[in-house]
Each structure stands twice: as structure tokens, then as C-alpha cells.
Amino acid sequence: MKKKSPILDTACQTIRIEAETLLALADSLGQTPDFESCVKALAAGQGRLVITGIGKSAVVAQKIAATLNSTGQPALFLHAADAIHGDLGMIQPADFVLCISKSGETPEIRVLVPLLKNFGNPLIAMTANRESTLARQADYVLWTPVEQEADPNNLAPTASTTAQMALGDALATALVALRGFSAQDFAKFHPGGALGKQLYLRVRELYTLHERPVVPPQATLPEIIHEISSKRLGATAVLDDTGRLLGIITDGDLRRMLARRDTELTQLCAADVLSPHPKTISPDALAVDALAMLRQYSITQLVVLEDDQYKGMVHLHDLVREGLL
């Protein structure tokens, strides 16, 4: 029998306590009308959400502000200690203020709350203590019920900050749903990295990076091989005299043809080798959709067609280079 590990026991207990805290948080949302009312007020407002806190709650506040900004709700972080030493000027008349504090009674918060009330901005409290100074003064109370912290001494902010983080995410996603914030809207705020590319990068921006491999139907085998090798896409399109796409020849097609012992190679031309129904895609399609097609059909290139006109090819390597795979 495997010996128990105190290290693993403590780690697993931490995760269980935090999971139970999140379940209690989910159940608590329907117990008061404040969460839903707060979301509706933020959605209808014209200002920003200024988020403040002290200690670990300040770190959570920064993360929530970042999440809100990325999902269309203008937000900024204001450290509670800096707020009472001159930074209150960051708050504008139309802004809401979200103050995060587990106890709602820390010295900085007790000093800050009446100052915020004097400003007249709507005050949102995120706290585990609904009887605290912060909660009593707030216009909206976002309750984070926490039975105990997850550390063995029940002291370090663990379960409480997990609840704060989750409730901040819930606030952001509820605003997304209420406002109808779309994937296209999301892309505006995430132009960099693989995430942004999934949302805005289009085939048009990829196929133009390559030369356009093409041969006529009467092209000989050496001409086909030269075109495929020189354009470095592993394939070539076959077009008739009017520019109509007849099919595609891939390096796989050539290997399969060469494996046939009943074929006289000198007599072959492109019309004999081509595959007449290649997979095609529009230049305006998203690159991530091109990747899905390549995966679905287990191929490495797609023919790009616009109004039935051959434009070029997009290759799996293009998508790898862009970090989509």
C-alpha cells in the first residue's frame, strides 16, 4: 500500500477547500439581487469601472481590470493606499468604483470609503463580510462567502482570493452576455498572439506570401515536378486556356503515379495525373477555418478561389508559422 504523503494531502485539501468555496459562491449569487442589478447598471453606464483594493485584493483587482478591458468594459486599477495619497483624481464623474476587501474593515478601506462616497460615484463592494463598513456604505454588495482559507493556519488569502477572482470573471462574462459582445469585438482587443490571429487572420493574408504554382493540362512530368519543386508548396494547380481550374497535382499524386508499374512516364501529362476535385477556400475565410479543413481532410494545402478564379494556395506551414498550430 502506498504511503500517504503529507505534502500531497495538504495540496489536495487546499484545492478541495477552494472548490467548495467556488460552489458556495455560485449558490450565493441568487440570494441577493445586487449582482444582477450591478451588471445592468454597469452595462447602462457611460463611465469606467475603477477597481481598488489593498494587499492580495489589490493583485486580484489588477487581474479583474485586465479581464474587463479585454471584454469591452473600460476599467482601471487604483491602489487603495495610493488613492488616499492623491490618486483619487483618477476617478471621473461617470465612473463606478469597485472596492475589494475580504473583511471590509482594513484601515485603508475604512479611510477610503467615506472619500469615495463624497465623490458621489456608485460604490460596489466585493467582500466576505456583509456587515462590514464597506458593505454598509456600498450601493451594490458582491458577496464572496468564505468559510475558511485553504492554508493550514486559516490565515493566508487563498480561498478568499480565489472567490474574488472567480466573481470578477463572472462579472466580466455577465457583461459580455448582456451586451452581446461578439468574437469580432473580442478580436479588436486581442490583435496579438495566436488568440488574436484565430479571430482576425484571413487566408488572403497568407496565400499572397507565395508564388502561384500553375501548369497547363498538357504539361509534361518534368514540367510538373519543376513547378511543384520551385514554388515549394507541395502541389500545383492545373488551369485550362481560359484560366478555369481543372484540378490539382500534389507531390503525393506524383508518388502514387510513379509507383504504378503499368504507366509509361514519357507519355504522361498533367491532365492524366491531376485530382479533379481539390479542396478550396475563399480568400476571406479565417485562417483558423483553413486549419480546420486541413485537419479534417488530412491534407497540407488548400486551393484559394475567388469568384471561381484561382488565386494561389495556402499551406499548413503558413498556419504553423503564424502560431495557429
C-alpha atoms as a PDB file:
ATOM      1  CA  MET A   1       0.000   0.000   0.000  1.00  0.00           C
ATOM      2  CA  LYS A   2       1.384   3.389  -0.983  1.00  0.00           C
ATOM      3  CA  LYS A   3       2.360   5.553   1.988  1.00  0.00           C
ATOM      4  CA  LYS A   4       0.412   8.765   2.413  1.00  0.00           C
ATOM      5  CA  SER A   5       2.240  11.984   1.617  1.00  0.00           C
ATOM      6  CA  PRO A   6       1.628  14.971   3.921  1.00  0.00           C
ATOM      7  CA  ILE A   7       2.618  17.249   1.058  1.00  0.00           C
ATOM      8  CA  LEU A   8       0.017  15.798  -1.297  1.00  0.00           C
ATOM      9  CA  ASP A   9      -2.594  15.690   1.456  1.00  0.00           C
ATOM     10  CA  THR A  10      -2.139  19.414   2.108  1.00  0.00           C
ATOM     11  CA  ALA A  11      -2.175  20.273  -1.594  1.00  0.00           C
ATOM     12  CA  CYS A  12      -5.327  18.250  -2.267  1.00  0.00           C
ATOM     13  CA  GLN A  13      -7.055  19.717   0.776  1.00  0.00           C
ATOM     14  CA  THR A  14      -6.252  23.213  -0.485  1.00  0.00           C
ATOM     15  CA  ILE A  15      -7.852  22.500  -3.835  1.00  0.00           C
ATOM     16  CA  ARG A  16     -10.927  20.931  -2.207  1.00  0.00           C
ATOM     17  CA  ILE A  17     -11.458  23.926   0.086  1.00  0.00           C
ATOM     18  CA  GLU A  18     -11.149  26.349  -2.804  1.00  0.00           C
ATOM     19  CA  ALA A  19     -13.506  24.248  -4.944  1.00  0.00           C
ATOM     20  CA  GLU A  20     -16.084  24.198  -2.129  1.00  0.00           C
ATOM     21  CA  THR A  21     -15.705  27.973  -1.801  1.00  0.00           C
ATOM     22  CA  LEU A  22     -16.447  28.440  -5.507  1.00  0.00           C
ATOM     23  CA  LEU A  23     -19.527  26.213  -5.291  1.00  0.00           C
ATOM     24  CA  ALA A  24     -20.793  28.241  -2.328  1.00  0.00           C
ATOM     25  CA  LEU A  25     -20.114  31.422  -4.318  1.00  0.00           C
ATOM     26  CA  ALA A  26     -22.177  30.165  -7.254  1.00  0.00           C
ATOM     27  CA  ASP A  27     -25.063  29.303  -4.932  1.00  0.00           C
ATOM     28  CA  SER A  28     -24.870  32.720  -3.258  1.00  0.00           C
ATOM     29  CA  LEU A  29     -25.385  34.795  -6.409  1.00  0.00           C
ATOM     30  CA  GLY A  30     -29.121  34.238  -6.392  1.00  0.00           C
ATOM     31  CA  GLN A  31     -29.554  35.085  -2.710  1.00  0.00           C
ATOM     32  CA  THR A  32     -29.425  38.851  -3.256  1.00  0.00           C
ATOM     33  CA  PRO A  33     -30.392  40.984  -6.260  1.00  0.00           C
ATOM     34  CA  ASP A  34     -27.182  43.017  -6.123  1.00  0.00           C
ATOM     35  CA  PHE A  35     -25.104  41.059  -8.638  1.00  0.00           C
ATOM     36  CA  GLU A  36     -27.674  41.258 -11.423  1.00  0.00           C
ATOM     37  CA  SER A  37     -28.508  44.894 -10.626  1.00  0.00           C
ATOM     38  CA  CYS A  38     -24.811  45.775 -10.637  1.00  0.00           C
ATOM     39  CA  VAL A  39     -24.242  44.159 -14.038  1.00  0.00           C
ATOM     40  CA  LYS A  40     -27.204  46.007 -15.548  1.00  0.00           C
ATOM     41  CA  ALA A  41     -26.048  49.331 -14.090  1.00  0.00           C
ATOM     42  CA  LEU A  42     -22.521  48.862 -15.453  1.00  0.00           C
ATOM     43  CA  ALA A  43     -23.868  47.939 -18.876  1.00  0.00           C
ATOM     44  CA  ALA A  44     -26.056  51.052 -18.946  1.00  0.00           C
ATOM     45  CA  GLY A  45     -23.333  53.374 -17.633  1.00  0.00           C
ATOM     46  CA  GLN A  46     -21.101  55.628 -19.694  1.00  0.00           C
ATOM     47  CA  GLY A  47     -18.035  55.612 -17.455  1.00  0.00           C
ATOM     48  CA  ARG A  48     -15.289  53.223 -16.440  1.00  0.00           C
ATOM     49  CA  LEU A  49     -15.054  50.769 -13.581  1.00  0.00           C
ATOM     50  CA  VAL A  50     -12.305  51.834 -11.182  1.00  0.00           C
ATOM     51  CA  ILE A  51     -11.190  48.816  -9.133  1.00  0.00           C
ATOM     52  CA  THR A  52      -9.326  49.231  -5.868  1.00  0.00           C
ATOM     53  CA  GLY A  53      -8.001  47.078  -3.033  1.00  0.00           C
ATOM     54  CA  ILE A  54      -5.088  46.536  -0.676  1.00  0.00           C
ATOM     55  CA  GLY A  55      -2.660  43.634  -0.311  1.00  0.00           C
ATOM     56  CA  LYS A  56      -3.641  40.442  -2.163  1.00  0.00           C
ATOM     57  CA  SER A  57      -7.001  42.011  -3.035  1.00  0.00           C
ATOM     58  CA  ALA A  58      -5.091  44.670  -4.953  1.00  0.00           C
ATOM     59  CA  VAL A  59      -3.451  41.970  -7.073  1.00  0.00           C
ATOM     60  CA  VAL A  60      -6.874  40.458  -7.768  1.00  0.00           C
ATOM     61  CA  ALA A  61      -8.164  43.930  -8.662  1.00  0.00           C
ATOM     62  CA  GLN A  62      -5.471  44.294 -11.318  1.00  0.00           C
ATOM     63  CA  LYS A  63      -6.430  40.980 -12.886  1.00  0.00           C
ATOM     64  CA  ILE A  64     -10.138  41.828 -12.908  1.00  0.00           C
ATOM     65  CA  ALA A  65      -9.411  45.205 -14.530  1.00  0.00           C
ATOM     66  CA  ALA A  66      -7.381  43.473 -17.240  1.00  0.00           C
ATOM     67  CA  THR A  67     -10.157  40.955 -17.906  1.00  0.00           C
ATOM     68  CA  LEU A  68     -12.823  43.661 -18.108  1.00  0.00           C
ATOM     69  CA  ASN A  69     -10.763  45.772 -20.507  1.00  0.00           C
ATOM     70  CA  SER A  70     -10.285  42.783 -22.787  1.00  0.00           C
ATOM     71  CA  THR A  71     -14.028  42.109 -22.872  1.00  0.00           C
ATOM     72  CA  GLY A  72     -15.203  45.615 -23.666  1.00  0.00           C
ATOM     73  CA  GLN A  73     -15.735  47.172 -20.219  1.00  0.00           C
ATOM     74  CA  PRO A  74     -13.304  50.089 -19.687  1.00  0.00           C
ATOM     75  CA  ALA A  75     -11.622  49.541 -16.320  1.00  0.00           C
ATOM     76  CA  LEU A  76      -8.578  50.713 -14.410  1.00  0.00           C
ATOM     77  CA  PHE A  77      -6.797  49.737 -11.212  1.00  0.00           C
ATOM     78  CA  LEU A  78      -6.369  52.147  -8.321  1.00  0.00           C
ATOM     79  CA  HIS A  79      -4.316  51.002  -5.339  1.00  0.00           C
ATOM     80  CA  ALA A  80      -6.191  51.822  -2.132  1.00  0.00           C
ATOM     81  CA  ALA A  81      -3.087  53.187  -0.410  1.00  0.00           C
ATOM     82  CA  ASP A  82      -2.280  55.464  -3.352  1.00  0.00           C
ATOM     83  CA  ALA A  83      -5.912  56.562  -3.555  1.00  0.00           C
ATOM     84  CA  ILE A  84      -5.754  58.225  -0.139  1.00  0.00           C
ATOM     85  CA  HIS A  85      -2.465  59.889  -1.042  1.00  0.00           C
ATOM     86  CA  GLY A  86      -3.504  61.807  -4.148  1.00  0.00           C
ATOM     87  CA  ASP A  87      -4.623  59.284  -6.790  1.00  0.00           C
ATOM     88  CA  LEU A  88      -8.348  59.805  -6.264  1.00  0.00           C
ATOM     89  CA  GLY A  89      -8.110  62.273  -9.125  1.00  0.00           C
ATOM     90  CA  MET A  90      -8.184  59.252 -11.442  1.00  0.00           C
ATOM     91  CA  ILE A  91     -11.901  58.846 -10.715  1.00  0.00           C
ATOM     92  CA  GLN A  92     -14.179  60.665 -13.159  1.00  0.00           C
ATOM     93  CA  PRO A  93     -17.850  61.651 -12.509  1.00  0.00           C
ATOM     94  CA  ALA A  94     -19.395  58.871 -14.623  1.00  0.00           C
ATOM     95  CA  ASP A  95     -17.200  56.096 -13.185  1.00  0.00           C
ATOM     96  CA  PHE A  96     -18.245  53.241 -10.925  1.00  0.00           C
ATOM     97  CA  VAL A  97     -15.863  52.189  -8.151  1.00  0.00           C
ATOM     98  CA  LEU A  98     -15.376  48.546  -7.157  1.00  0.00           C
ATOM     99  CA  CYS A  99     -13.660  48.119  -3.794  1.00  0.00           C
ATOM    100  CA  ILE A 100     -12.346  44.611  -2.990  1.00  0.00           C
ATOM    101  CA  SER A 101     -11.744  43.593   0.627  1.00  0.00           C
ATOM    102  CA  LYS A 102     -12.406  40.277   2.350  1.00  0.00           C
ATOM    103  CA  SER A 103     -13.080  41.861   5.742  1.00  0.00           C
ATOM    104  CA  GLY A 104     -14.276  45.240   4.522  1.00  0.00           C
ATOM    105  CA  GLU A 105     -12.601  46.691   7.596  1.00  0.00           C
ATOM    106  CA  THR A 106      -8.923  47.207   6.747  1.00  0.00           C
ATOM    107  CA  PRO A 107      -7.631  50.655   7.790  1.00  0.00           C
ATOM    108  CA  GLU A 108      -7.061  51.859   4.232  1.00  0.00           C
ATOM    109  CA  ILE A 109     -10.566  50.790   3.195  1.00  0.00           C
ATOM    110  CA  ARG A 110     -12.174  52.461   6.207  1.00  0.00           C
ATOM    111  CA  VAL A 111     -10.428  55.713   5.282  1.00  0.00           C
ATOM    112  CA  LEU A 112     -11.172  55.371   1.574  1.00  0.00           C
ATOM    113  CA  VAL A 113     -14.903  54.575   1.730  1.00  0.00           C
ATOM    114  CA  PRO A 114     -16.152  57.977   3.007  1.00  0.00           C
ATOM    115  CA  LEU A 115     -13.911  59.736   0.499  1.00  0.00           C
ATOM    116  CA  LEU A 116     -15.453  57.719  -2.310  1.00  0.00           C
ATOM    117  CA  LYS A 117     -18.944  58.431  -1.009  1.00  0.00           C
ATOM    118  CA  ASN A 118     -18.163  62.161  -1.088  1.00  0.00           C
ATOM    119  CA  PHE A 119     -17.320  61.837  -4.766  1.00  0.00           C
ATOM    120  CA  GLY A 120     -20.841  60.569  -5.415  1.00  0.00           C
ATOM    121  CA  ASN A 121     -19.777  57.689  -7.677  1.00  0.00           C
ATOM    122  CA  PRO A 122     -21.706  54.412  -7.369  1.00  0.00           C
ATOM    123  CA  LEU A 123     -19.752  52.165  -4.968  1.00  0.00           C
ATOM    124  CA  ILE A 124     -19.575  48.396  -5.424  1.00  0.00           C
ATOM    125  CA  ALA A 125     -18.267  46.285  -2.546  1.00  0.00           C
ATOM    126  CA  MET A 126     -16.756  42.834  -3.105  1.00  0.00           C
ATOM    127  CA  THR A 127     -16.432  41.385   0.379  1.00  0.00           C
ATOM    128  CA  ALA A 128     -16.953  38.293   2.518  1.00  0.00           C
ATOM    129  CA  ASN A 129     -18.390  40.416   5.335  1.00  0.00           C
ATOM    130  CA  ARG A 130     -21.847  41.772   4.552  1.00  0.00           C
ATOM    131  CA  GLU A 131     -21.924  43.630   7.896  1.00  0.00           C
ATOM    132  CA  SER A 132     -18.650  45.480   7.297  1.00  0.00           C
ATOM    133  CA  THR A 133     -18.135  49.218   6.954  1.00  0.00           C
ATOM    134  CA  LEU A 134     -17.513  48.733   3.253  1.00  0.00           C
ATOM    135  CA  ALA A 135     -20.681  46.689   2.685  1.00  0.00           C
ATOM    136  CA  ARG A 136     -22.909  49.050   4.659  1.00  0.00           C
ATOM    137  CA  GLN A 137     -21.756  52.047   2.608  1.00  0.00           C
ATOM    138  CA  ALA A 138     -21.888  50.367  -0.788  1.00  0.00           C
ATOM    139  CA  ASP A 139     -24.603  50.752  -3.409  1.00  0.00           C
ATOM    140  CA  TYR A 140     -24.060  47.153  -4.529  1.00  0.00           C
ATOM    141  CA  VAL A 141     -22.628  44.294  -2.460  1.00  0.00           C
ATOM    142  CA  LEU A 142     -20.981  41.397  -4.294  1.00  0.00           C
ATOM    143  CA  TRP A 143     -20.733  38.791  -1.555  1.00  0.00           C
ATOM    144  CA  THR A 144     -17.888  36.259  -1.518  1.00  0.00           C
ATOM    145  CA  PRO A 145     -18.853  33.713   1.149  1.00  0.00           C
ATOM    146  CA  VAL A 146     -15.677  32.147   2.561  1.00  0.00           C
ATOM    147  CA  GLU A 147     -15.902  29.601   5.394  1.00  0.00           C
ATOM    148  CA  GLN A 148     -12.153  29.229   5.746  1.00  0.00           C
ATOM    149  CA  GLU A 149      -8.908  29.935   3.973  1.00  0.00           C
ATOM    150  CA  ALA A 150      -7.156  26.978   2.385  1.00  0.00           C
ATOM    151  CA  ASP A 151      -3.823  27.219   4.206  1.00  0.00           C
ATOM    152  CA  PRO A 152      -3.314  25.051   7.334  1.00  0.00           C
ATOM    153  CA  ASN A 153      -3.396  28.104   9.616  1.00  0.00           C
ATOM    154  CA  ASN A 154      -6.541  29.579   8.058  1.00  0.00           C
ATOM    155  CA  LEU A 155      -4.711  32.871   7.601  1.00  0.00           C
ATOM    156  CA  ALA A 156      -3.193  33.337   4.151  1.00  0.00           C
ATOM    157  CA  PRO A 157      -5.566  34.752   1.499  1.00  0.00           C
ATOM    158  CA  THR A 158      -6.212  31.661  -0.620  1.00  0.00           C
ATOM    159  CA  ALA A 159      -9.859  30.615  -0.797  1.00  0.00           C
ATOM    160  CA  SER A 160     -10.903  34.261  -0.410  1.00  0.00           C
ATOM    161  CA  THR A 161      -8.788  35.492  -3.314  1.00  0.00           C
ATOM    162  CA  THR A 162      -9.942  32.530  -5.415  1.00  0.00           C
ATOM    163  CA  ALA A 163     -13.534  33.614  -4.795  1.00  0.00           C
ATOM    164  CA  GLN A 164     -12.711  37.233  -5.633  1.00  0.00           C
ATOM    165  CA  MET A 165     -11.048  36.206  -8.879  1.00  0.00           C
ATOM    166  CA  ALA A 166     -13.971  33.993  -9.876  1.00  0.00           C
ATOM    167  CA  LEU A 167     -16.551  36.653  -9.059  1.00  0.00           C
ATOM    168  CA  GLY A 168     -14.594  39.153 -11.145  1.00  0.00           C
ATOM    169  CA  ASP A 169     -14.673  36.708 -14.051  1.00  0.00           C
ATOM    170  CA  ALA A 170     -18.409  36.222 -13.510  1.00  0.00           C
ATOM    171  CA  LEU A 171     -18.899  39.986 -13.636  1.00  0.00           C
ATOM    172  CA  ALA A 172     -16.964  40.215 -16.907  1.00  0.00           C
ATOM    173  CA  THR A 173     -18.729  37.307 -18.602  1.00  0.00           C
ATOM    174  CA  ALA A 174     -22.159  38.505 -17.493  1.00  0.00           C
ATOM    175  CA  LEU A 175     -21.405  41.871 -19.110  1.00  0.00           C
ATOM    176  CA  VAL A 176     -20.257  40.089 -22.275  1.00  0.00           C
ATOM    177  CA  ALA A 177     -23.540  38.185 -22.453  1.00  0.00           C
ATOM    178  CA  LEU A 178     -25.702  41.220 -21.673  1.00  0.00           C
ATOM    179  CA  ARG A 179     -24.017  43.429 -24.259  1.00  0.00           C
ATOM    180  CA  GLY A 180     -23.831  40.776 -26.963  1.00  0.00           C
ATOM    181  CA  PHE A 181     -20.039  41.177 -27.115  1.00  0.00           C
ATOM    182  CA  SER A 182     -19.001  39.049 -30.120  1.00  0.00           C
ATOM    183  CA  ALA A 183     -15.862  37.209 -31.164  1.00  0.00           C
ATOM    184  CA  GLN A 184     -15.235  40.024 -33.664  1.00  0.00           C
ATOM    185  CA  ASP A 185     -15.452  42.569 -30.842  1.00  0.00           C
ATOM    186  CA  PHE A 186     -13.086  40.437 -28.787  1.00  0.00           C
ATOM    187  CA  ALA A 187     -10.588  40.397 -31.665  1.00  0.00           C
ATOM    188  CA  LYS A 188     -10.337  44.193 -31.578  1.00  0.00           C
ATOM    189  CA  PHE A 189      -8.813  43.981 -28.112  1.00  0.00           C
ATOM    190  CA  HIS A 190      -6.604  40.937 -28.815  1.00  0.00           C
ATOM    191  CA  PRO A 191      -4.762  41.673 -32.064  1.00  0.00           C
ATOM    192  CA  GLY A 192      -1.531  39.995 -30.956  1.00  0.00           C
ATOM    193  CA  GLY A 193      -0.565  36.382 -30.463  1.00  0.00           C
ATOM    194  CA  ALA A 194      -2.266  33.181 -31.511  1.00  0.00           C
ATOM    195  CA  LEU A 195      -5.550  34.161 -29.872  1.00  0.00           C
ATOM    196  CA  GLY A 196      -5.893  37.309 -31.941  1.00  0.00           C
ATOM    197  CA  LYS A 197      -4.885  35.533 -35.117  1.00  0.00           C
ATOM    198  CA  GLN A 198      -7.617  32.962 -34.639  1.00  0.00           C
ATOM    199  CA  LEU A 199     -10.122  35.797 -34.614  1.00  0.00           C
ATOM    200  CA  TYR A 200      -8.900  38.068 -37.403  1.00  0.00           C
ATOM    201  CA  LEU A 201      -6.188  36.464 -39.584  1.00  0.00           C
ATOM    202  CA  ARG A 202      -7.589  35.594 -43.012  1.00  0.00           C
ATOM    203  CA  VAL A 203      -6.473  33.380 -45.867  1.00  0.00           C
ATOM    204  CA  ARG A 204      -5.943  36.483 -48.017  1.00  0.00           C
ATOM    205  CA  GLU A 205      -3.003  37.468 -45.823  1.00  0.00           C
ATOM    206  CA  LEU A 206      -1.327  34.072 -46.249  1.00  0.00           C
ATOM    207  CA  TYR A 207      -1.612  32.897 -49.847  1.00  0.00           C
ATOM    208  CA  THR A 208      -0.120  36.141 -51.172  1.00  0.00           C
ATOM    209  CA  LEU A 209       3.160  35.270 -49.427  1.00  0.00           C
ATOM    210  CA  HIS A 210       3.804  32.563 -52.043  1.00  0.00           C
ATOM    211  CA  GLU A 211       4.285  32.325 -55.748  1.00  0.00           C
ATOM    212  CA  ARG A 212       1.314  30.896 -57.627  1.00  0.00           C
ATOM    213  CA  PRO A 213       2.038  27.340 -58.823  1.00  0.00           C
ATOM    214  CA  VAL A 214       0.245  26.503 -62.071  1.00  0.00           C
ATOM    215  CA  VAL A 215       0.681  24.279 -65.126  1.00  0.00           C
ATOM    216  CA  PRO A 216      -1.458  23.722 -68.249  1.00  0.00           C
ATOM    217  CA  PRO A 217      -3.161  20.342 -68.759  1.00  0.00           C
ATOM    218  CA  GLN A 218      -0.608  19.354 -71.426  1.00  0.00           C
ATOM    219  CA  ALA A 219       2.422  19.945 -69.124  1.00  0.00           C
ATOM    220  CA  THR A 220       4.886  17.077 -69.078  1.00  0.00           C
ATOM    221  CA  LEU A 221       6.018  15.197 -65.994  1.00  0.00           C
ATOM    222  CA  PRO A 222       9.359  17.089 -65.741  1.00  0.00           C
ATOM    223  CA  GLU A 223       7.491  20.397 -66.065  1.00  0.00           C
ATOM    224  CA  ILE A 224       5.092  19.385 -63.299  1.00  0.00           C
ATOM    225  CA  ILE A 225       7.921  18.339 -60.986  1.00  0.00           C
ATOM    226  CA  HIS A 226       9.794  21.570 -61.671  1.00  0.00           C
ATOM    227  CA  GLU A 227       6.721  23.703 -60.889  1.00  0.00           C
ATOM    228  CA  ILE A 228       5.992  21.884 -57.638  1.00  0.00           C
ATOM    229  CA  SER A 229       9.624  21.991 -56.524  1.00  0.00           C
ATOM    230  CA  SER A 230      10.273  25.621 -57.457  1.00  0.00           C
ATOM    231  CA  LYS A 231       7.120  27.013 -55.808  1.00  0.00           C
ATOM    232  CA  ARG A 232       7.711  24.936 -52.645  1.00  0.00           C
ATOM    233  CA  LEU A 233       4.070  24.303 -51.787  1.00  0.00           C
ATOM    234  CA  GLY A 234       3.997  20.577 -52.478  1.00  0.00           C
ATOM    235  CA  ALA A 235       1.405  20.993 -55.233  1.00  0.00           C
ATOM    236  CA  THR A 236       0.429  22.837 -58.373  1.00  0.00           C
ATOM    237  CA  ALA A 237      -2.897  23.849 -59.856  1.00  0.00           C
ATOM    238  CA  VAL A 238      -3.841  22.823 -63.382  1.00  0.00           C
ATOM    239  CA  LEU A 239      -5.637  25.521 -65.397  1.00  0.00           C
ATOM    240  CA  ASP A 240      -7.055  25.411 -68.917  1.00  0.00           C
ATOM    241  CA  ASP A 241      -6.506  28.131 -71.534  1.00  0.00           C
ATOM    242  CA  THR A 242      -9.339  30.242 -70.070  1.00  0.00           C
ATOM    243  CA  GLY A 243      -7.912  30.142 -66.552  1.00  0.00           C
ATOM    244  CA  ARG A 244     -10.509  27.674 -65.284  1.00  0.00           C
ATOM    245  CA  LEU A 245      -9.325  25.346 -62.540  1.00  0.00           C
ATOM    246  CA  LEU A 246      -9.228  21.746 -63.768  1.00  0.00           C
ATOM    247  CA  GLY A 247      -7.661  20.237 -60.675  1.00  0.00           C
ATOM    248  CA  ILE A 248      -4.565  19.935 -58.544  1.00  0.00           C
ATOM    249  CA  ILE A 249      -1.453  17.779 -58.626  1.00  0.00           C
ATOM    250  CA  THR A 250       0.309  17.150 -55.294  1.00  0.00           C
ATOM    251  CA  ASP A 251       3.635  15.515 -54.641  1.00  0.00           C
ATOM    252  CA  GLY A 252       1.587  12.632 -53.219  1.00  0.00           C
ATOM    253  CA  ASP A 253      -0.176  12.243 -56.551  1.00  0.00           C
ATOM    254  CA  LEU A 254       3.205  12.012 -58.254  1.00  0.00           C
ATOM    255  CA  ARG A 255       4.492   9.370 -55.833  1.00  0.00           C
ATOM    256  CA  ARG A 256       1.408   7.249 -56.302  1.00  0.00           C
ATOM    257  CA  MET A 257       1.653   7.577 -60.066  1.00  0.00           C
ATOM    258  CA  LEU A 258       5.336   6.616 -60.094  1.00  0.00           C
ATOM    259  CA  ALA A 259       4.550   3.532 -58.005  1.00  0.00           C
ATOM    260  CA  ARG A 260       2.381   2.190 -60.809  1.00  0.00           C
ATOM    261  CA  ARG A 261       4.397  -0.184 -62.996  1.00  0.00           C
ATOM    262  CA  ASP A 262       1.923  -0.122 -65.903  1.00  0.00           C
ATOM    263  CA  THR A 263       2.494   3.562 -66.685  1.00  0.00           C
ATOM    264  CA  GLU A 264       4.699   4.891 -69.482  1.00  0.00           C
ATOM    265  CA  LEU A 265       6.096   8.018 -67.863  1.00  0.00           C
ATOM    266  CA  THR A 266       7.151   9.755 -71.048  1.00  0.00           C
ATOM    267  CA  GLN A 267       3.572   9.727 -72.287  1.00  0.00           C
ATOM    268  CA  LEU A 268       2.021  11.302 -69.199  1.00  0.00           C
ATOM    269  CA  CYS A 269       0.819  14.904 -68.948  1.00  0.00           C
ATOM    270  CA  ALA A 270      -0.870  16.973 -66.239  1.00  0.00           C
ATOM    271  CA  ALA A 271      -4.358  16.018 -67.431  1.00  0.00           C
ATOM    272  CA  ASP A 272      -3.518  12.351 -66.731  1.00  0.00           C
ATOM    273  CA  VAL A 273      -2.304  12.921 -63.171  1.00  0.00           C
ATOM    274  CA  LEU A 274      -4.467  15.681 -61.688  1.00  0.00           C
ATOM    275  CA  SER A 275      -7.092  15.264 -58.979  1.00  0.00           C
ATOM    276  CA  PRO A 276     -10.209  16.959 -60.384  1.00  0.00           C
ATOM    277  CA  HIS A 277     -11.905  17.971 -57.119  1.00  0.00           C
ATOM    278  CA  PRO A 278      -9.398  19.754 -54.884  1.00  0.00           C
ATOM    279  CA  LYS A 279     -10.391  21.270 -51.560  1.00  0.00           C
ATOM    280  CA  THR A 280     -10.815  25.019 -51.971  1.00  0.00           C
ATOM    281  CA  ILE A 281     -11.254  28.017 -49.710  1.00  0.00           C
ATOM    282  CA  SER A 282     -12.140  31.697 -50.101  1.00  0.00           C
ATOM    283  CA  PRO A 283      -9.542  34.433 -49.533  1.00  0.00           C
ATOM    284  CA  ASP A 284     -11.880  35.986 -46.957  1.00  0.00           C
ATOM    285  CA  ALA A 285     -12.112  32.824 -44.851  1.00  0.00           C
ATOM    286  CA  LEU A 286     -10.442  32.862 -41.459  1.00  0.00           C
ATOM    287  CA  ALA A 287      -7.071  31.163 -41.276  1.00  0.00           C
ATOM    288  CA  VAL A 288      -8.337  29.060 -38.384  1.00  0.00           C
ATOM    289  CA  ASP A 289     -11.064  27.707 -40.692  1.00  0.00           C
ATOM    290  CA  ALA A 290      -8.397  26.764 -43.218  1.00  0.00           C
ATOM    291  CA  LEU A 291      -6.606  24.870 -40.459  1.00  0.00           C
ATOM    292  CA  ALA A 292      -9.817  23.033 -39.592  1.00  0.00           C
ATOM    293  CA  MET A 293     -10.203  21.940 -43.228  1.00  0.00           C
ATOM    294  CA  LEU A 294      -6.613  20.739 -43.463  1.00  0.00           C
ATOM    295  CA  ARG A 295      -7.120  18.673 -40.335  1.00  0.00           C
ATOM    296  CA  GLN A 296     -10.490  17.327 -41.464  1.00  0.00           C
ATOM    297  CA  TYR A 297      -9.180  16.048 -44.791  1.00  0.00           C
ATOM    298  CA  SER A 298      -5.607  15.220 -43.664  1.00  0.00           C
ATOM    299  CA  ILE A 299      -4.056  17.380 -46.377  1.00  0.00           C
ATOM    300  CA  THR A 300      -1.359  20.057 -46.350  1.00  0.00           C
ATOM    301  CA  GLN A 301      -2.604  22.671 -48.819  1.00  0.00           C
ATOM    302  CA  LEU A 302      -5.829  24.301 -49.976  1.00  0.00           C
ATOM    303  CA  VAL A 303      -6.545  25.965 -53.313  1.00  0.00           C
ATOM    304  CA  VAL A 304      -7.682  29.573 -52.894  1.00  0.00           C
ATOM    305  CA  LEU A 305     -10.585  30.515 -55.173  1.00  0.00           C
ATOM    306  CA  GLU A 306     -12.322  33.868 -55.502  1.00  0.00           C
ATOM    307  CA  ASP A 307     -15.312  34.059 -57.871  1.00  0.00           C
ATOM    308  CA  ASP A 308     -14.129  30.738 -59.346  1.00  0.00           C
ATOM    309  CA  GLN A 309     -10.755  32.289 -60.160  1.00  0.00           C
ATOM    310  CA  TYR A 310      -7.590  30.576 -58.948  1.00  0.00           C
ATOM    311  CA  LYS A 311      -5.593  32.910 -56.665  1.00  0.00           C
ATOM    312  CA  GLY A 312      -2.967  30.662 -55.138  1.00  0.00           C
ATOM    313  CA  MET A 313      -2.558  28.214 -52.273  1.00  0.00           C
ATOM    314  CA  VAL A 314      -2.415  28.266 -48.509  1.00  0.00           C
ATOM    315  CA  HIS A 315      -0.167  25.664 -46.880  1.00  0.00           C
ATOM    316  CA  LEU A 316      -0.134  24.036 -43.467  1.00  0.00           C
ATOM    317  CA  HIS A 317       3.284  25.583 -42.873  1.00  0.00           C
ATOM    318  CA  ASP A 318       1.725  29.058 -43.138  1.00  0.00           C
ATOM    319  CA  LEU A 319      -0.543  28.260 -40.207  1.00  0.00           C
ATOM    320  CA  VAL A 320       2.287  26.734 -38.201  1.00  0.00           C
ATOM    321  CA  ARG A 321       4.381  29.852 -38.798  1.00  0.00           C
ATOM    322  CA  GLU A 322       1.539  32.060 -37.548  1.00  0.00           C
ATOM    323  CA  GLY A 323       1.293  30.044 -34.337  1.00  0.00           C
ATOM    324  CA  LEU A 324      -2.157  28.593 -35.002  1.00  0.00           C
ATOM    325  CA  LEU A 325      -0.908  25.041 -34.600  1.00  0.00           C
END
